[in-house]
Every structure is written in structure tokens, then in C-alpha cells.
Amino acid sequence: MSTPHASWASVYDFIYKESFGELYDLLTERTVKQIKRYISPPARIVDFGAGTGRLSIPLSESGFNVVAVEPCDKMVDQLLQKSGGSSVSTFIGNIQEFHTDNPFDMAVCVFTVI
């Protein structure tokens, strides 16, 4: 069974950047800045519907301990291929399937994930 976005994961970032231009990067920067207003590294963050790592990677690069939860393995493949992607822990599965005994300081879930 195919998961949403699997067929276009390799061009996902390109399409969003072409569609939204500078707003795409600005939204990422402002979201990371807003998160930093509430918690500081090395806080633990879970990013539900992480996609190709638009938030997971810059948060990890800022010193946060990030777990990216994403049901589409092709999207996770794209995340892991990016610079900084290897610093993000990943879980391939739905939000409902994700379980951990380790608490998080924040959970993020942006756009149309829910």
C-alpha cells in the first residue's frame, strides 16, 4: 500500500519552494524562532508529519534532540539524504503508531498533518 506523498517525495521540496518562493524559507525560520522562544536546546522535540525534514533538520542543527515521525518512507529517505538529516532520529509510521517511554519537551505538527 502506497503512502501519501510517496510518488512525489523526490520533488516535494522543489515544488513547495517553487510554489511559495521566499515565503517557504521565511515560514521555516519564523517557526524555528517561535519554538526557541518557548524551549531551549537540548530540549527534546517530536515533529509529527515531518516530511522531508523542513523543521526537523534546522531544529536539530540548532541543538535540539529531534525525532521526526513520518508515515511515508520515501519522504524519510529524502530527509536522511539532506545535509544535517543524519542528526535527526526518525520513525516511519503514523502518529497513532508512535510510542515512547521518553518524554518530549514539545511536539510540533504543522500544515495539514492532522
PDB file of N, CA and C in Angstrom:
ATOM      1  N   MET A   1       0.829  -1.182   0.000  1.00  0.00           N
ATOM      2  CA  MET A   1       0.000   0.000   0.000  1.00  0.00           C
ATOM      3  C   MET A   1       0.876   1.248   0.000  1.00  0.00           C
ATOM      4  N   SER A   2       0.605   2.141  -0.895  1.00  0.00           N
ATOM      5  CA  SER A   2       1.365   3.378  -1.024  1.00  0.00           C
ATOM      6  C   SER A   2       0.919   4.398   0.027  1.00  0.00           C
ATOM      7  N   THR A   3       1.856   5.172   0.511  1.00  0.00           N
ATOM      8  CA  THR A   3       1.525   6.223   1.473  1.00  0.00           C
ATOM      9  C   THR A   3       1.441   7.568   0.760  1.00  0.00           C
ATOM     10  N   PRO A   4       0.704   8.509   1.350  1.00  0.00           N
ATOM     11  CA  PRO A   4       0.620   9.834   0.734  1.00  0.00           C
ATOM     12  C   PRO A   4       2.019  10.417   0.488  1.00  0.00           C
ATOM     13  N   HIS A   5       2.193  11.054  -0.587  1.00  0.00           N
ATOM     14  CA  HIS A   5       3.423  11.742  -0.989  1.00  0.00           C
ATOM     15  C   HIS A   5       4.516  10.819  -1.541  1.00  0.00           C
ATOM     16  N   ALA A   6       4.353   9.510  -1.459  1.00  0.00           N
ATOM     17  CA  ALA A   6       5.412   8.604  -1.917  1.00  0.00           C
ATOM     18  C   ALA A   6       5.764   8.835  -3.379  1.00  0.00           C
ATOM     19  N   SER A   7       4.779   9.078  -4.208  1.00  0.00           N
ATOM     20  CA  SER A   7       5.030   9.212  -5.642  1.00  0.00           C
ATOM     21  C   SER A   7       5.759  10.500  -6.017  1.00  0.00           C
ATOM     22  N   TRP A   8       5.754  11.480  -5.130  1.00  0.00           N
ATOM     23  CA  TRP A   8       6.410  12.746  -5.477  1.00  0.00           C
ATOM     24  C   TRP A   8       7.388  13.233  -4.399  1.00  0.00           C
ATOM     25  N   ALA A   9       7.824  12.335  -3.536  1.00  0.00           N
ATOM     26  CA  ALA A   9       8.752  12.698  -2.459  1.00  0.00           C
ATOM     27  C   ALA A   9      10.047  13.312  -2.986  1.00  0.00           C
ATOM     28  N   SER A  10      10.527  12.809  -4.111  1.00  0.00           N
ATOM     29  CA  SER A  10      11.810  13.307  -4.649  1.00  0.00           C
ATOM     30  C   SER A  10      11.738  14.746  -5.154  1.00  0.00           C
ATOM     31  N   VAL A  11      10.539  15.233  -5.429  1.00  0.00           N
ATOM     32  CA  VAL A  11      10.393  16.621  -5.906  1.00  0.00           C
ATOM     33  C   VAL A  11       9.586  17.481  -4.930  1.00  0.00           C
ATOM     34  N   TYR A  12       9.251  16.947  -3.778  1.00  0.00           N
ATOM     35  CA  TYR A  12       8.426  17.629  -2.785  1.00  0.00           C
ATOM     36  C   TYR A  12       8.976  19.015  -2.423  1.00  0.00           C
ATOM     37  N   ASP A  13      10.236  19.068  -2.027  1.00  0.00           N
ATOM     38  CA  ASP A  13      10.835  20.353  -1.627  1.00  0.00           C
ATOM     39  C   ASP A  13      10.868  21.335  -2.789  1.00  0.00           C
ATOM     40  N   PHE A  14      11.227  20.865  -3.960  1.00  0.00           N
ATOM     41  CA  PHE A  14      11.283  21.721  -5.141  1.00  0.00           C
ATOM     42  C   PHE A  14       9.916  22.341  -5.422  1.00  0.00           C
ATOM     43  N   ILE A  15       8.887  21.528  -5.386  1.00  0.00           N
ATOM     44  CA  ILE A  15       7.537  22.022  -5.687  1.00  0.00           C
ATOM     45  C   ILE A  15       7.094  23.070  -4.667  1.00  0.00           C
ATOM     46  N   TYR A  16       7.356  22.816  -3.386  1.00  0.00           N
ATOM     47  CA  TYR A  16       6.968  23.800  -2.374  1.00  0.00           C
ATOM     48  C   TYR A  16       7.757  25.096  -2.514  1.00  0.00           C
ATOM     49  N   LYS A  17       9.037  25.000  -2.800  1.00  0.00           N
ATOM     50  CA  LYS A  17       9.841  26.221  -2.987  1.00  0.00           C
ATOM     51  C   LYS A  17       9.398  26.986  -4.219  1.00  0.00           C
ATOM     52  N   GLU A  18       9.070  26.279  -5.281  1.00  0.00           N
ATOM     53  CA  GLU A  18       8.581  26.940  -6.494  1.00  0.00           C
ATOM     54  C   GLU A  18       7.208  27.567  -6.262  1.00  0.00           C
ATOM     55  N   SER A  19       6.382  26.906  -5.479  1.00  0.00           N
ATOM     56  CA  SER A  19       5.032  27.402  -5.221  1.00  0.00           C
ATOM     57  C   SER A  19       5.011  28.598  -4.276  1.00  0.00           C
ATOM     58  N   PHE A  20       5.854  28.560  -3.249  1.00  0.00           N
ATOM     59  CA  PHE A  20       5.796  29.577  -2.200  1.00  0.00           C
ATOM     60  C   PHE A  20       6.989  30.520  -2.177  1.00  0.00           C
ATOM     61  N   GLY A  21       8.018  30.241  -2.961  1.00  0.00           N
ATOM     62  CA  GLY A  21       9.172  31.125  -3.039  1.00  0.00           C
ATOM     63  C   GLY A  21       9.818  31.378  -1.693  1.00  0.00           C
ATOM     64  N   GLU A  22      10.174  32.644  -1.459  1.00  0.00           N
ATOM     65  CA  GLU A  22      10.861  33.027  -0.224  1.00  0.00           C
ATOM     66  C   GLU A  22      10.003  32.783   1.011  1.00  0.00           C
ATOM     67  N   LEU A  23       8.701  32.783   0.851  1.00  0.00           N
ATOM     68  CA  LEU A  23       7.802  32.544   1.983  1.00  0.00           C
ATOM     69  C   LEU A  23       8.069  31.184   2.618  1.00  0.00           C
ATOM     70  N   TYR A  24       8.438  30.203   1.815  1.00  0.00           N
ATOM     71  CA  TYR A  24       8.706  28.852   2.313  1.00  0.00           C
ATOM     72  C   TYR A  24       9.839  28.875   3.342  1.00  0.00           C
ATOM     73  N   ASP A  25      10.949  29.524   2.994  1.00  0.00           N
ATOM     74  CA  ASP A  25      12.083  29.616   3.920  1.00  0.00           C
ATOM     75  C   ASP A  25      11.763  30.521   5.099  1.00  0.00           C
ATOM     76  N   LEU A  26      11.059  31.608   4.845  1.00  0.00           N
ATOM     77  CA  LEU A  26      10.686  32.537   5.908  1.00  0.00           C
ATOM     78  C   LEU A  26       9.794  31.852   6.940  1.00  0.00           C
ATOM     79  N   LEU A  27       8.857  31.055   6.484  1.00  0.00           N
ATOM     80  CA  LEU A  27       7.973  30.326   7.392  1.00  0.00           C
ATOM     81  C   LEU A  27       8.772  29.365   8.267  1.00  0.00           C
ATOM     82  N   THR A  28       9.731  28.694   7.673  1.00  0.00           N
ATOM     83  CA  THR A  28      10.580  27.785   8.446  1.00  0.00           C
ATOM     84  C   THR A  28      11.366  28.557   9.494  1.00  0.00           C
ATOM     85  N   GLU A  29      12.005  29.643   9.095  1.00  0.00           N
ATOM     86  CA  GLU A  29      12.803  30.448  10.024  1.00  0.00           C
ATOM     87  C   GLU A  29      11.955  30.976  11.175  1.00  0.00           C
ATOM     88  N   ARG A  30      10.780  31.473  10.870  1.00  0.00           N
ATOM     89  CA  ARG A  30       9.902  32.025  11.918  1.00  0.00           C
ATOM     90  C   ARG A  30       9.373  30.934  12.847  1.00  0.00           C
ATOM     91  N   THR A  31       9.104  29.768  12.305  1.00  0.00           N
ATOM     92  CA  THR A  31       8.628  28.666  13.144  1.00  0.00           C
ATOM     93  C   THR A  31       9.720  28.239  14.114  1.00  0.00           C
ATOM     94  N   VAL A  32      10.943  28.092  13.624  1.00  0.00           N
ATOM     95  CA  VAL A  32      12.066  27.717  14.490  1.00  0.00           C
ATOM     96  C   VAL A  32      12.292  28.797  15.545  1.00  0.00           C
ATOM     97  N   LYS A  33      12.234  30.053  15.151  1.00  0.00           N
ATOM     98  CA  LYS A  33      12.411  31.169  16.089  1.00  0.00           C
ATOM     99  C   LYS A  33      11.335  31.136  17.175  1.00  0.00           C
ATOM    100  N   GLN A  34      10.100  30.868  16.791  1.00  0.00           N
ATOM    101  CA  GLN A  34       8.999  30.807  17.756  1.00  0.00           C
ATOM    102  C   GLN A  34       9.210  29.654  18.738  1.00  0.00           C
ATOM    103  N   ILE A  35       9.648  28.518  18.241  1.00  0.00           N
ATOM    104  CA  ILE A  35       9.920  27.372  19.124  1.00  0.00           C
ATOM    105  C   ILE A  35      10.989  27.729  20.135  1.00  0.00           C
ATOM    106  N   LYS A  36      12.028  28.426  19.685  1.00  0.00           N
ATOM    107  CA  LYS A  36      13.123  28.821  20.577  1.00  0.00           C
ATOM    108  C   LYS A  36      12.675  29.805  21.656  1.00  0.00           C
ATOM    109  N   ARG A  37      11.565  30.480  21.445  1.00  0.00           N
ATOM    110  CA  ARG A  37      11.033  31.385  22.466  1.00  0.00           C
ATOM    111  C   ARG A  37      10.489  30.602  23.660  1.00  0.00           C
ATOM    112  N   TYR A  38      10.090  29.351  23.428  1.00  0.00           N
ATOM    113  CA  TYR A  38       9.452  28.560  24.470  1.00  0.00           C
ATOM    114  C   TYR A  38      10.350  27.511  25.094  1.00  0.00           C
ATOM    115  N   ILE A  39      11.280  26.968  24.325  1.00  0.00           N
ATOM    116  CA  ILE A  39      12.197  25.963  24.856  1.00  0.00           C
ATOM    117  C   ILE A  39      13.584  26.199  24.272  1.00  0.00           C
ATOM    118  N   SER A  40      14.583  25.667  24.959  1.00  0.00           N
ATOM    119  CA  SER A  40      15.970  25.843  24.526  1.00  0.00           C
ATOM    120  C   SER A  40      16.628  24.485  24.323  1.00  0.00           C
ATOM    121  N   PRO A  41      17.609  24.445  23.439  1.00  0.00           N
ATOM    122  CA  PRO A  41      18.371  23.210  23.259  1.00  0.00           C
ATOM    123  C   PRO A  41      19.054  22.836  24.579  1.00  0.00           C
ATOM    124  N   PRO A  42      19.203  21.591  24.842  1.00  0.00           N
ATOM    125  CA  PRO A  42      18.984  20.411  24.010  1.00  0.00           C
ATOM    126  C   PRO A  42      17.610  19.763  24.229  1.00  0.00           C
ATOM    127  N   ALA A  43      16.580  20.550  24.397  1.00  0.00           N
ATOM    128  CA  ALA A  43      15.236  20.008  24.615  1.00  0.00           C
ATOM    129  C   ALA A  43      14.887  18.977  23.544  1.00  0.00           C
ATOM    130  N   ARG A  44      13.979  18.082  23.928  1.00  0.00           N
ATOM    131  CA  ARG A  44      13.537  17.018  23.018  1.00  0.00           C
ATOM    132  C   ARG A  44      12.257  17.450  22.309  1.00  0.00           C
ATOM    133  N   ILE A  45      12.254  17.346  20.988  1.00  0.00           N
ATOM    134  CA  ILE A  45      11.102  17.719  20.168  1.00  0.00           C
ATOM    135  C   ILE A  45      10.722  16.552  19.274  1.00  0.00           C
ATOM    136  N   VAL A  46       9.425  16.265  19.200  1.00  0.00           N
ATOM    137  CA  VAL A  46       8.923  15.298  18.232  1.00  0.00           C
ATOM    138  C   VAL A  46       8.194  16.093  17.154  1.00  0.00           C
ATOM    139  N   ASP A  47       8.536  15.814  15.903  1.00  0.00           N
ATOM    140  CA  ASP A  47       7.948  16.501  14.746  1.00  0.00           C
ATOM    141  C   ASP A  47       7.055  15.513  14.015  1.00  0.00           C
ATOM    142  N   PHE A  48       5.738  15.621  14.267  1.00  0.00           N
ATOM    143  CA  PHE A  48       4.781  14.728  13.623  1.00  0.00           C
ATOM    144  C   PHE A  48       4.492  15.194  12.206  1.00  0.00           C
ATOM    145  N   GLY A  49       4.550  14.267  11.260  1.00  0.00           N
ATOM    146  CA  GLY A  49       4.361  14.617   9.852  1.00  0.00           C
ATOM    147  C   GLY A  49       5.562  15.386   9.347  1.00  0.00           C
ATOM    148  N   ALA A  50       6.746  14.921   9.703  1.00  0.00           N
ATOM    149  CA  ALA A  50       7.992  15.637   9.444  1.00  0.00           C
ATOM    150  C   ALA A  50       8.335  15.779   7.970  1.00  0.00           C
ATOM    151  N   GLY A  51       7.765  14.964   7.131  1.00  0.00           N
ATOM    152  CA  GLY A  51       8.042  15.068   5.700  1.00  0.00           C
ATOM    153  C   GLY A  51       9.514  14.897   5.401  1.00  0.00           C
ATOM    154  N   THR A  52      10.064  15.838   4.659  1.00  0.00           N
ATOM    155  CA  THR A  52      11.473  15.776   4.252  1.00  0.00           C
ATOM    156  C   THR A  52      12.388  16.520   5.221  1.00  0.00           C
ATOM    157  N   GLY A  53      11.851  16.888   6.384  1.00  0.00           N
ATOM    158  CA  GLY A  53      12.692  17.492   7.415  1.00  0.00           C
ATOM    159  C   GLY A  53      12.751  19.000   7.423  1.00  0.00           C
ATOM    160  N   ARG A  54      11.768  19.662   6.824  1.00  0.00           N
ATOM    161  CA  ARG A  54      11.780  21.132   6.755  1.00  0.00           C
ATOM    162  C   ARG A  54      11.993  21.758   8.129  1.00  0.00           C
ATOM    163  N   LEU A  55      11.372  21.232   9.155  1.00  0.00           N
ATOM    164  CA  LEU A  55      11.578  21.743  10.510  1.00  0.00           C
ATOM    165  C   LEU A  55      12.559  20.887  11.306  1.00  0.00           C
ATOM    166  N   SER A  56      12.512  19.587  11.129  1.00  0.00           N
ATOM    167  CA  SER A  56      13.358  18.684  11.918  1.00  0.00           C
ATOM    168  C   SER A  56      14.838  19.003  11.778  1.00  0.00           C
ATOM    169  N   ILE A  57      15.284  19.230  10.560  1.00  0.00           N
ATOM    170  CA  ILE A  57      16.718  19.462  10.346  1.00  0.00           C
ATOM    171  C   ILE A  57      17.183  20.783  10.957  1.00  0.00           C
ATOM    172  N   PRO A  58      16.539  21.923  10.684  1.00  0.00           N
ATOM    173  CA  PRO A  58      17.022  23.153  11.321  1.00  0.00           C
ATOM    174  C   PRO A  58      16.896  23.129  12.847  1.00  0.00           C
ATOM    175  N   LEU A  59      15.892  22.445  13.370  1.00  0.00           N
ATOM    176  CA  LEU A  59      15.790  22.326  14.826  1.00  0.00           C
ATOM    177  C   LEU A  59      16.952  21.508  15.378  1.00  0.00           C
ATOM    178  N   SER A  60      17.276  20.416  14.715  1.00  0.00           N
ATOM    179  CA  SER A  60      18.411  19.601  15.124  1.00  0.00           C
ATOM    180  C   SER A  60      19.720  20.382  15.015  1.00  0.00           C
ATOM    181  N   GLU A  61      19.867  21.129  13.938  1.00  0.00           N
ATOM    182  CA  GLU A  61      21.074  21.945  13.758  1.00  0.00           C
ATOM    183  C   GLU A  61      21.178  23.044  14.807  1.00  0.00           C
ATOM    184  N   SER A  62      20.049  23.420  15.400  1.00  0.00           N
ATOM    185  CA  SER A  62      20.041  24.424  16.472  1.00  0.00           C
ATOM    186  C   SER A  62      20.340  23.806  17.834  1.00  0.00           C
ATOM    187  N   GLY A  63      20.517  22.490  17.865  1.00  0.00           N
ATOM    188  CA  GLY A  63      20.894  21.827  19.101  1.00  0.00           C
ATOM    189  C   GLY A  63      19.792  21.038  19.786  1.00  0.00           C
ATOM    190  N   PHE A  64      18.596  21.031  19.200  1.00  0.00           N
ATOM    191  CA  PHE A  64      17.504  20.249  19.773  1.00  0.00           C
ATOM    192  C   PHE A  64      17.683  18.772  19.436  1.00  0.00           C
ATOM    193  N   ASN A  65      17.157  17.920  20.297  1.00  0.00           N
ATOM    194  CA  ASN A  65      17.137  16.482  20.067  1.00  0.00           C
ATOM    195  C   ASN A  65      15.794  16.194  19.398  1.00  0.00           C
ATOM    196  N   VAL A  66      15.806  15.876  18.105  1.00  0.00           N
ATOM    197  CA  VAL A  66      14.584  15.792  17.316  1.00  0.00           C
ATOM    198  C   VAL A  66      14.296  14.364  16.850  1.00  0.00           C
ATOM    199  N   VAL A  67      13.035  13.970  16.995  1.00  0.00           N
ATOM    200  CA  VAL A  67      12.546  12.731  16.402  1.00  0.00           C
ATOM    201  C   VAL A  67      11.510  13.120  15.362  1.00  0.00           C
ATOM    202  N   ALA A  68      11.752  12.736  14.123  1.00  0.00           N
ATOM    203  CA  ALA A  68      10.843  13.004  13.010  1.00  0.00           C
ATOM    204  C   ALA A  68       9.945  11.796  12.813  1.00  0.00           C
ATOM    205  N   VAL A  69       8.639  12.001  12.943  1.00  0.00           N
ATOM    206  CA  VAL A  69       7.661  10.930  12.752  1.00  0.00           C
ATOM    207  C   VAL A  69       6.958  11.176  11.424  1.00  0.00           C
ATOM    208  N   GLU A  70       7.037  10.206  10.532  1.00  0.00           N
ATOM    209  CA  GLU A  70       6.510  10.384   9.174  1.00  0.00           C
ATOM    210  C   GLU A  70       6.065   9.020   8.643  1.00  0.00           C
ATOM    211  N   PRO A  71       4.833   8.921   8.129  1.00  0.00           N
ATOM    212  CA  PRO A  71       4.360   7.634   7.622  1.00  0.00           C
ATOM    213  C   PRO A  71       4.942   7.220   6.270  1.00  0.00           C
ATOM    214  N   CYS A  72       5.504   8.151   5.520  1.00  0.00           N
ATOM    215  CA  CYS A  72       5.991   7.858   4.171  1.00  0.00           C
ATOM    216  C   CYS A  72       7.503   7.623   4.166  1.00  0.00           C
ATOM    217  N   ASP A  73       7.915   6.400   3.920  1.00  0.00           N
ATOM    218  CA  ASP A  73       9.341   6.076   3.918  1.00  0.00           C
ATOM    219  C   ASP A  73      10.121   6.841   2.853  1.00  0.00           C
ATOM    220  N   LYS A  74       9.490   7.171   1.746  1.00  0.00           N
ATOM    221  CA  LYS A  74      10.170   7.929   0.686  1.00  0.00           C
ATOM    222  C   LYS A  74      10.484   9.351   1.146  1.00  0.00           C
ATOM    223  N   MET A  75       9.597   9.933   1.946  1.00  0.00           N
ATOM    224  CA  MET A  75       9.851  11.268   2.499  1.00  0.00           C
ATOM    225  C   MET A  75      11.009  11.200   3.499  1.00  0.00           C
ATOM    226  N   VAL A  76      11.034  10.162   4.321  1.00  0.00           N
ATOM    227  CA  VAL A  76      12.125   9.978   5.278  1.00  0.00           C
ATOM    228  C   VAL A  76      13.446   9.773   4.536  1.00  0.00           C
ATOM    229  N   ASP A  77      13.420   9.041   3.432  1.00  0.00           N
ATOM    230  CA  ASP A  77      14.628   8.873   2.620  1.00  0.00           C
ATOM    231  C   ASP A  77      15.172  10.232   2.189  1.00  0.00           C
ATOM    232  N   GLN A  78      14.285  11.134   1.767  1.00  0.00           N
ATOM    233  CA  GLN A  78      14.704  12.474   1.355  1.00  0.00           C
ATOM    234  C   GLN A  78      15.300  13.233   2.536  1.00  0.00           C
ATOM    235  N   LEU A  79      14.668  13.141   3.700  1.00  0.00           N
ATOM    236  CA  LEU A  79      15.176  13.789   4.911  1.00  0.00           C
ATOM    237  C   LEU A  79      16.597  13.325   5.202  1.00  0.00           C
ATOM    238  N   LEU A  80      16.808  12.022   5.182  1.00  0.00           N
ATOM    239  CA  LEU A  80      18.109  11.457   5.540  1.00  0.00           C
ATOM    240  C   LEU A  80      19.200  11.769   4.526  1.00  0.00           C
ATOM    241  N   GLN A  81      18.830  12.069   3.293  1.00  0.00           N
ATOM    242  CA  GLN A  81      19.815  12.403   2.261  1.00  0.00           C
ATOM    243  C   GLN A  81      20.289  13.850   2.337  1.00  0.00           C
ATOM    244  N   LYS A  82      19.549  14.679   3.052  1.00  0.00           N
ATOM    245  CA  LYS A  82      19.896  16.099   3.146  1.00  0.00           C
ATOM    246  C   LYS A  82      21.043  16.331   4.122  1.00  0.00           C
ATOM    247  N   SER A  83      21.745  17.416   3.906  1.00  0.00           N
ATOM    248  CA  SER A  83      22.755  17.839   4.865  1.00  0.00           C
ATOM    249  C   SER A  83      22.075  18.056   6.210  1.00  0.00           C
ATOM    250  N   GLY A  84      22.600  17.452   7.248  1.00  0.00           N
ATOM    251  CA  GLY A  84      22.029  17.564   8.584  1.00  0.00           C
ATOM    252  C   GLY A  84      20.969  16.525   8.878  1.00  0.00           C
ATOM    253  N   GLY A  85      20.528  15.806   7.879  1.00  0.00           N
ATOM    254  CA  GLY A  85      19.480  14.812   8.075  1.00  0.00           C
ATOM    255  C   GLY A  85      19.878  13.661   8.984  1.00  0.00           C
ATOM    256  N   SER A  86      21.146  13.311   8.966  1.00  0.00           N
ATOM    257  CA  SER A  86      21.595  12.180   9.784  1.00  0.00           C
ATOM    258  C   SER A  86      21.572  12.489  11.281  1.00  0.00           C
ATOM    259  N   SER A  87      21.427  13.770  11.648  1.00  0.00           N
ATOM    260  CA  SER A  87      21.371  14.139  13.068  1.00  0.00           C
ATOM    261  C   SER A  87      19.955  14.034  13.628  1.00  0.00           C
ATOM    262  N   VAL A  88      18.985  13.705  12.786  1.00  0.00           N
ATOM    263  CA  VAL A  88      17.590  13.582  13.193  1.00  0.00           C
ATOM    264  C   VAL A  88      17.235  12.104  13.346  1.00  0.00           C
ATOM    265  N   SER A  89      16.655  11.752  14.479  1.00  0.00           N
ATOM    266  CA  SER A  89      16.143  10.389  14.656  1.00  0.00           C
ATOM    267  C   SER A  89      14.821  10.301  13.903  1.00  0.00           C
ATOM    268  N   THR A  90      14.549   9.155  13.309  1.00  0.00           N
ATOM    269  CA  THR A  90      13.324   9.021  12.523  1.00  0.00           C
ATOM    270  C   THR A  90      12.501   7.828  12.977  1.00  0.00           C
ATOM    271  N   PHE A  91      11.196   7.947  12.756  1.00  0.00           N
ATOM    272  CA  PHE A  91      10.251   6.868  12.991  1.00  0.00           C
ATOM    273  C   PHE A  91       9.304   6.862  11.804  1.00  0.00           C
ATOM    274  N   ILE A  92       9.256   5.750  11.083  1.00  0.00           N
ATOM    275  CA  ILE A  92       8.354   5.638   9.938  1.00  0.00           C
ATOM    276  C   ILE A  92       7.064   4.987  10.423  1.00  0.00           C
ATOM    277  N   GLY A  93       6.007   5.785  10.426  1.00  0.00           N
ATOM    278  CA  GLY A  93       4.706   5.310  10.880  1.00  0.00           C
ATOM    279  C   GLY A  93       3.786   6.472  11.172  1.00  0.00           C
ATOM    280  N   ASN A  94       2.540   6.153  11.449  1.00  0.00           N
ATOM    281  CA  ASN A  94       1.530   7.165  11.772  1.00  0.00           C
ATOM    282  C   ASN A  94       1.739   7.718  13.174  1.00  0.00           C
ATOM    283  N   ILE A  95       1.112   8.851  13.425  1.00  0.00           N
ATOM    284  CA  ILE A  95       1.136   9.443  14.766  1.00  0.00           C
ATOM    285  C   ILE A  95       0.634   8.423  15.783  1.00  0.00           C
ATOM    286  N   GLN A  96      -0.430   7.724  15.437  1.00  0.00           N
ATOM    287  CA  GLN A  96      -1.032   6.769  16.355  1.00  0.00           C
ATOM    288  C   GLN A  96      -0.118   5.584  16.661  1.00  0.00           C
ATOM    289  N   GLU A  97       0.811   5.290  15.783  1.00  0.00           N
ATOM    290  CA  GLU A  97       1.718   4.153  15.968  1.00  0.00           C
ATOM    291  C   GLU A  97       2.958   4.509  16.779  1.00  0.00           C
ATOM    292  N   PHE A  98       3.218   5.794  16.953  1.00  0.00           N
ATOM    293  CA  PHE A  98       4.425   6.237  17.647  1.00  0.00           C
ATOM    294  C   PHE A  98       4.240   6.144  19.157  1.00  0.00           C
ATOM    295  N   HIS A  99       5.125   5.404  19.798  1.00  0.00           N
ATOM    296  CA  HIS A  99       5.101   5.266  21.255  1.00  0.00           C
ATOM    297  C   HIS A  99       6.529   5.362  21.777  1.00  0.00           C
ATOM    298  N   THR A 100       6.665   5.978  22.922  1.00  0.00           N
ATOM    299  CA  THR A 100       7.971   6.077  23.552  1.00  0.00           C
ATOM    300  C   THR A 100       7.796   6.192  25.058  1.00  0.00           C
ATOM    301  N   ASP A 101       8.783   5.757  25.788  1.00  0.00           N
ATOM    302  CA  ASP A 101       8.792   5.923  27.244  1.00  0.00           C
ATOM    303  C   ASP A 101       9.530   7.197  27.630  1.00  0.00           C
ATOM    304  N   ASN A 102      10.183   7.829  26.652  1.00  0.00           N
ATOM    305  CA  ASN A 102      10.937   9.043  26.908  1.00  0.00           C
ATOM    306  C   ASN A 102      10.072  10.274  26.620  1.00  0.00           C
ATOM    307  N   PRO A 103       9.917  11.153  27.603  1.00  0.00           N
ATOM    308  CA  PRO A 103       9.071  12.336  27.392  1.00  0.00           C
ATOM    309  C   PRO A 103       9.723  13.345  26.446  1.00  0.00           C
ATOM    310  N   PHE A 104       8.885  14.140  25.819  1.00  0.00           N
ATOM    311  CA  PHE A 104       9.340  15.222  24.951  1.00  0.00           C
ATOM    312  C   PHE A 104       8.983  16.554  25.591  1.00  0.00           C
ATOM    313  N   ASP A 105       9.766  17.565  25.290  1.00  0.00           N
ATOM    314  CA  ASP A 105       9.503  18.911  25.789  1.00  0.00           C
ATOM    315  C   ASP A 105       8.500  19.641  24.904  1.00  0.00           C
ATOM    316  N   MET A 106       8.422  19.221  23.640  1.00  0.00           N
ATOM    317  CA  MET A 106       7.490  19.852  22.708  1.00  0.00           C
ATOM    318  C   MET A 106       7.180  18.891  21.572  1.00  0.00           C
ATOM    319  N   ALA A 107       5.953  18.988  21.089  1.00  0.00           N
ATOM    320  CA  ALA A 107       5.549  18.280  19.879  1.00  0.00           C
ATOM    321  C   ALA A 107       5.099  19.323  18.869  1.00  0.00           C
ATOM    322  N   VAL A 108       5.528  19.157  17.617  1.00  0.00           N
ATOM    323  CA  VAL A 108       5.071  20.038  16.561  1.00  0.00           C
ATOM    324  C   VAL A 108       4.361  19.205  15.504  1.00  0.00           C
ATOM    325  N   CYS A 109       3.366  19.820  14.897  1.00  0.00           N
ATOM    326  CA  CYS A 109       2.553  19.153  13.889  1.00  0.00           C
ATOM    327  C   CYS A 109       1.989  20.266  13.013  1.00  0.00           C
ATOM    328  N   VAL A 110       2.630  20.525  11.862  1.00  0.00           N
ATOM    329  CA  VAL A 110       2.272  21.692  11.078  1.00  0.00           C
ATOM    330  C   VAL A 110       1.561  21.331   9.770  1.00  0.00           C
ATOM    331  N   PHE A 111       0.951  22.359   9.183  1.00  0.00           N
ATOM    332  CA  PHE A 111       0.220  22.270   7.932  1.00  0.00           C
ATOM    333  C   PHE A 111      -0.959  21.307   8.040  1.00  0.00           C
ATOM    334  N   THR A 112      -1.080  20.379   7.113  1.00  0.00           N
ATOM    335  CA  THR A 112      -2.276  19.536   7.027  1.00  0.00           C
ATOM    336  C   THR A 112      -2.057  18.126   7.580  1.00  0.00           C
ATOM    337  N   VAL A 113      -1.219  17.990   8.563  1.00  0.00           N
ATOM    338  CA  VAL A 113      -0.884  16.671   9.095  1.00  0.00           C
ATOM    339  C   VAL A 113      -2.083  16.030   9.790  1.00  0.00           C
ATOM    340  N   ILE A 114      -2.802  16.800  10.568  1.00  0.00           N
ATOM    341  CA  ILE A 114      -3.947  16.236  11.299  1.00  0.00           C
ATOM    342  C   ILE A 114      -5.206  16.460  10.487  1.00  0.00           C
TER     343      ILE A 114
END
